[in-house]
Amino acid sequence: MNFPVPISTDELLSKAQNEKLYSKLIDQINKDFNLANEPIDFPQSTTPHELKVQLHEKIYRLIQYKFAEYLNLLYIIDVPEETVKQLDGSDLVELSEQVAFLILKREWMKVWFRNRY
């Protein structure tokens, strides 16, 4: 079975909810951010919209003020460097939104595979 690649943050979060894996996705995000020494604590009650907005804000702040920590986070989560390099960095808000999606996609992949195999 192939991994179903989501094309947007909303689609990804919807799939996570439909497959009853949303809480595991939140756990995985919390775990990896803590491993990168960038503590984030999304409670299980976090709605998909809140998760999307707060993750975007966190990435934006990391890029703006703590770039080395941002790079470390991407490494810990295992976001492909080539994919990040292909993004247009001219608009920081847009960039942070795209990176937040890449992070969610990678975290979703971990959760999905762990649940399947």
C-alpha atoms as a PDB file:
ATOM      1  CA  MET A   1       0.000   0.000   0.000  1.00  0.00           C
ATOM      2  CA  ASN A   2       1.405   3.383  -1.014  1.00  0.00           C
ATOM      3  CA  PHE A   3       1.454   6.384   1.261  1.00  0.00           C
ATOM      4  CA  PRO A   4      -1.372   8.776   0.227  1.00  0.00           C
ATOM      5  CA  VAL A   5       0.414  12.090  -0.283  1.00  0.00           C
ATOM      6  CA  PRO A   6      -1.794  14.978   0.842  1.00  0.00           C
ATOM      7  CA  ILE A   7      -1.762  18.112  -1.320  1.00  0.00           C
ATOM      8  CA  SER A   8      -2.699  20.608   1.394  1.00  0.00           C
ATOM      9  CA  THR A   9      -2.605  21.084   5.145  1.00  0.00           C
ATOM     10  CA  ASP A  10      -6.396  20.918   5.350  1.00  0.00           C
ATOM     11  CA  GLU A  11      -6.495  17.645   3.410  1.00  0.00           C
ATOM     12  CA  LEU A  12      -3.767  16.165   5.611  1.00  0.00           C
ATOM     13  CA  LEU A  13      -5.524  17.106   8.847  1.00  0.00           C
ATOM     14  CA  SER A  14      -8.823  15.818   7.480  1.00  0.00           C
ATOM     15  CA  LYS A  15      -7.216  12.459   6.595  1.00  0.00           C
ATOM     16  CA  ALA A  16      -5.670  12.252  10.055  1.00  0.00           C
ATOM     17  CA  GLN A  17      -9.078  12.778  11.632  1.00  0.00           C
ATOM     18  CA  ASN A  18     -10.869  10.375   9.282  1.00  0.00           C
ATOM     19  CA  GLU A  19      -8.334   7.633  10.005  1.00  0.00           C
ATOM     20  CA  LYS A  20      -8.571   8.314  13.763  1.00  0.00           C
ATOM     21  CA  LEU A  21      -4.865   9.216  13.871  1.00  0.00           C
ATOM     22  CA  TYR A  22      -5.148  12.927  14.654  1.00  0.00           C
ATOM     23  CA  SER A  23      -4.205  12.483  18.325  1.00  0.00           C
ATOM     24  CA  LYS A  24      -1.155  10.432  17.309  1.00  0.00           C
ATOM     25  CA  LEU A  25      -0.167  13.191  14.882  1.00  0.00           C
ATOM     26  CA  ILE A  26      -0.317  15.738  17.707  1.00  0.00           C
ATOM     27  CA  ASP A  27       1.770  13.411  19.914  1.00  0.00           C
ATOM     28  CA  GLN A  28       4.379  13.019  17.161  1.00  0.00           C
ATOM     29  CA  ILE A  29       4.626  16.781  16.604  1.00  0.00           C
ATOM     30  CA  ASN A  30       4.999  17.435  20.338  1.00  0.00           C
ATOM     31  CA  LYS A  31       7.628  14.691  20.624  1.00  0.00           C
ATOM     32  CA  ASP A  32       9.783  15.887  17.719  1.00  0.00           C
ATOM     33  CA  PHE A  33       9.641  19.550  18.717  1.00  0.00           C
ATOM     34  CA  ASN A  34      10.736  18.567  22.235  1.00  0.00           C
ATOM     35  CA  LEU A  35      13.574  16.457  20.797  1.00  0.00           C
ATOM     36  CA  ALA A  36      14.721  19.567  18.921  1.00  0.00           C
ATOM     37  CA  ASN A  37      14.629  21.603  22.168  1.00  0.00           C
ATOM     38  CA  GLU A  38      11.827  23.754  20.802  1.00  0.00           C
ATOM     39  CA  PRO A  39       9.100  22.739  23.229  1.00  0.00           C
ATOM     40  CA  ILE A  40       5.612  22.976  21.882  1.00  0.00           C
ATOM     41  CA  ASP A  41       2.669  21.475  23.666  1.00  0.00           C
ATOM     42  CA  PHE A  42      -0.428  20.995  21.594  1.00  0.00           C
ATOM     43  CA  PRO A  43      -3.103  19.560  23.865  1.00  0.00           C
ATOM     44  CA  GLN A  44      -5.219  16.729  22.467  1.00  0.00           C
ATOM     45  CA  SER A  45      -8.131  19.175  22.385  1.00  0.00           C
ATOM     46  CA  THR A  46      -6.359  21.301  19.737  1.00  0.00           C
ATOM     47  CA  THR A  47      -8.575  21.649  16.676  1.00  0.00           C
ATOM     48  CA  PRO A  48      -7.073  21.129  13.215  1.00  0.00           C
ATOM     49  CA  HIS A  49      -7.456  24.839  12.474  1.00  0.00           C
ATOM     50  CA  GLU A  50      -5.692  25.807  15.717  1.00  0.00           C
ATOM     51  CA  LEU A  51      -2.911  23.324  14.978  1.00  0.00           C
ATOM     52  CA  LYS A  52      -2.433  24.745  11.493  1.00  0.00           C
ATOM     53  CA  VAL A  53      -2.328  28.367  12.694  1.00  0.00           C
ATOM     54  CA  GLN A  54      -0.147  27.779  15.766  1.00  0.00           C
ATOM     55  CA  LEU A  55       2.339  25.598  13.901  1.00  0.00           C
ATOM     56  CA  HIS A  56       2.601  28.248  11.171  1.00  0.00           C
ATOM     57  CA  GLU A  57       3.235  30.948  13.808  1.00  0.00           C
ATOM     58  CA  LYS A  58       5.873  28.815  15.554  1.00  0.00           C
ATOM     59  CA  ILE A  59       7.750  28.178  12.285  1.00  0.00           C
ATOM     60  CA  TYR A  60       7.521  31.863  11.370  1.00  0.00           C
ATOM     61  CA  ARG A  61       9.075  32.866  14.716  1.00  0.00           C
ATOM     62  CA  LEU A  62      11.801  30.241  14.404  1.00  0.00           C
ATOM     63  CA  ILE A  63      12.792  31.401  10.917  1.00  0.00           C
ATOM     64  CA  GLN A  64      12.717  35.044  11.983  1.00  0.00           C
ATOM     65  CA  TYR A  65      14.465  34.853  15.357  1.00  0.00           C
ATOM     66  CA  LYS A  66      16.063  31.416  15.865  1.00  0.00           C
ATOM     67  CA  PHE A  67      17.276  30.239  12.471  1.00  0.00           C
ATOM     68  CA  ALA A  68      19.812  27.691  13.768  1.00  0.00           C
ATOM     69  CA  GLU A  69      17.115  26.089  15.927  1.00  0.00           C
ATOM     70  CA  TYR A  70      14.773  26.076  12.915  1.00  0.00           C
ATOM     71  CA  LEU A  71      17.358  24.164  10.860  1.00  0.00           C
ATOM     72  CA  ASN A  72      17.894  21.728  13.733  1.00  0.00           C
ATOM     73  CA  LEU A  73      14.139  21.154  13.949  1.00  0.00           C
ATOM     74  CA  LEU A  74      13.947  20.340  10.232  1.00  0.00           C
ATOM     75  CA  TYR A  75      16.827  17.896  10.704  1.00  0.00           C
ATOM     76  CA  ILE A  76      15.207  16.202  13.727  1.00  0.00           C
ATOM     77  CA  ILE A  77      11.855  15.874  11.958  1.00  0.00           C
ATOM     78  CA  ASP A  78      13.652  14.716   8.796  1.00  0.00           C
ATOM     79  CA  VAL A  79      12.178  17.192   6.338  1.00  0.00           C
ATOM     80  CA  PRO A  80      14.090  16.722   3.050  1.00  0.00           C
ATOM     81  CA  GLU A  81      16.608  19.549   2.616  1.00  0.00           C
ATOM     82  CA  GLU A  82      16.135  19.621  -1.167  1.00  0.00           C
ATOM     83  CA  THR A  83      12.394  20.181  -0.763  1.00  0.00           C
ATOM     84  CA  VAL A  84      12.982  23.137   1.556  1.00  0.00           C
ATOM     85  CA  LYS A  85      15.583  24.628  -0.813  1.00  0.00           C
ATOM     86  CA  GLN A  86      13.043  24.590  -3.650  1.00  0.00           C
ATOM     87  CA  LEU A  87      10.668  26.878  -1.765  1.00  0.00           C
ATOM     88  CA  ASP A  88      10.497  30.570  -2.600  1.00  0.00           C
ATOM     89  CA  GLY A  89      11.902  32.437   0.400  1.00  0.00           C
ATOM     90  CA  SER A  90      10.964  35.933  -0.730  1.00  0.00           C
ATOM     91  CA  ASP A  91       7.838  36.084   1.457  1.00  0.00           C
ATOM     92  CA  LEU A  92       8.514  34.900   5.007  1.00  0.00           C
ATOM     93  CA  VAL A  93       4.842  34.371   5.842  1.00  0.00           C
ATOM     94  CA  GLU A  94       4.353  32.218   2.740  1.00  0.00           C
ATOM     95  CA  LEU A  95       7.605  30.336   3.365  1.00  0.00           C
ATOM     96  CA  SER A  96       6.723  29.535   6.969  1.00  0.00           C
ATOM     97  CA  GLU A  97       3.296  28.274   5.867  1.00  0.00           C
ATOM     98  CA  GLN A  98       4.890  25.979   3.273  1.00  0.00           C
ATOM     99  CA  VAL A  99       7.468  24.695   5.762  1.00  0.00           C
ATOM    100  CA  ALA A 100       4.715  24.054   8.320  1.00  0.00           C
ATOM    101  CA  PHE A 101       2.984  21.914   5.676  1.00  0.00           C
ATOM    102  CA  LEU A 102       6.223  20.021   4.965  1.00  0.00           C
ATOM    103  CA  ILE A 103       6.618  19.358   8.694  1.00  0.00           C
ATOM    104  CA  LEU A 104       3.029  18.174   8.997  1.00  0.00           C
ATOM    105  CA  LYS A 105       3.454  15.975   5.933  1.00  0.00           C
ATOM    106  CA  ARG A 106       6.575  14.314   7.351  1.00  0.00           C
ATOM    107  CA  GLU A 107       4.997  13.836  10.773  1.00  0.00           C
ATOM    108  CA  TRP A 108       1.867  12.413   9.150  1.00  0.00           C
ATOM    109  CA  MET A 109       4.022   9.993   7.161  1.00  0.00           C
ATOM    110  CA  LYS A 110       5.617   8.714  10.385  1.00  0.00           C
ATOM    111  CA  VAL A 111       2.248   8.250  12.086  1.00  0.00           C
ATOM    112  CA  TRP A 112       0.609   6.686   9.033  1.00  0.00           C
ATOM    113  CA  PHE A 113       3.394   4.134   8.471  1.00  0.00           C
ATOM    114  CA  ARG A 114       3.596   3.253  12.160  1.00  0.00           C
ATOM    115  CA  ASN A 115      -0.136   2.615  12.157  1.00  0.00           C
ATOM    116  CA  ARG A 116      -0.045   0.522   8.958  1.00  0.00           C
ATOM    117  CA  TYR A 117       3.033  -1.610   9.542  1.00  0.00           C
END
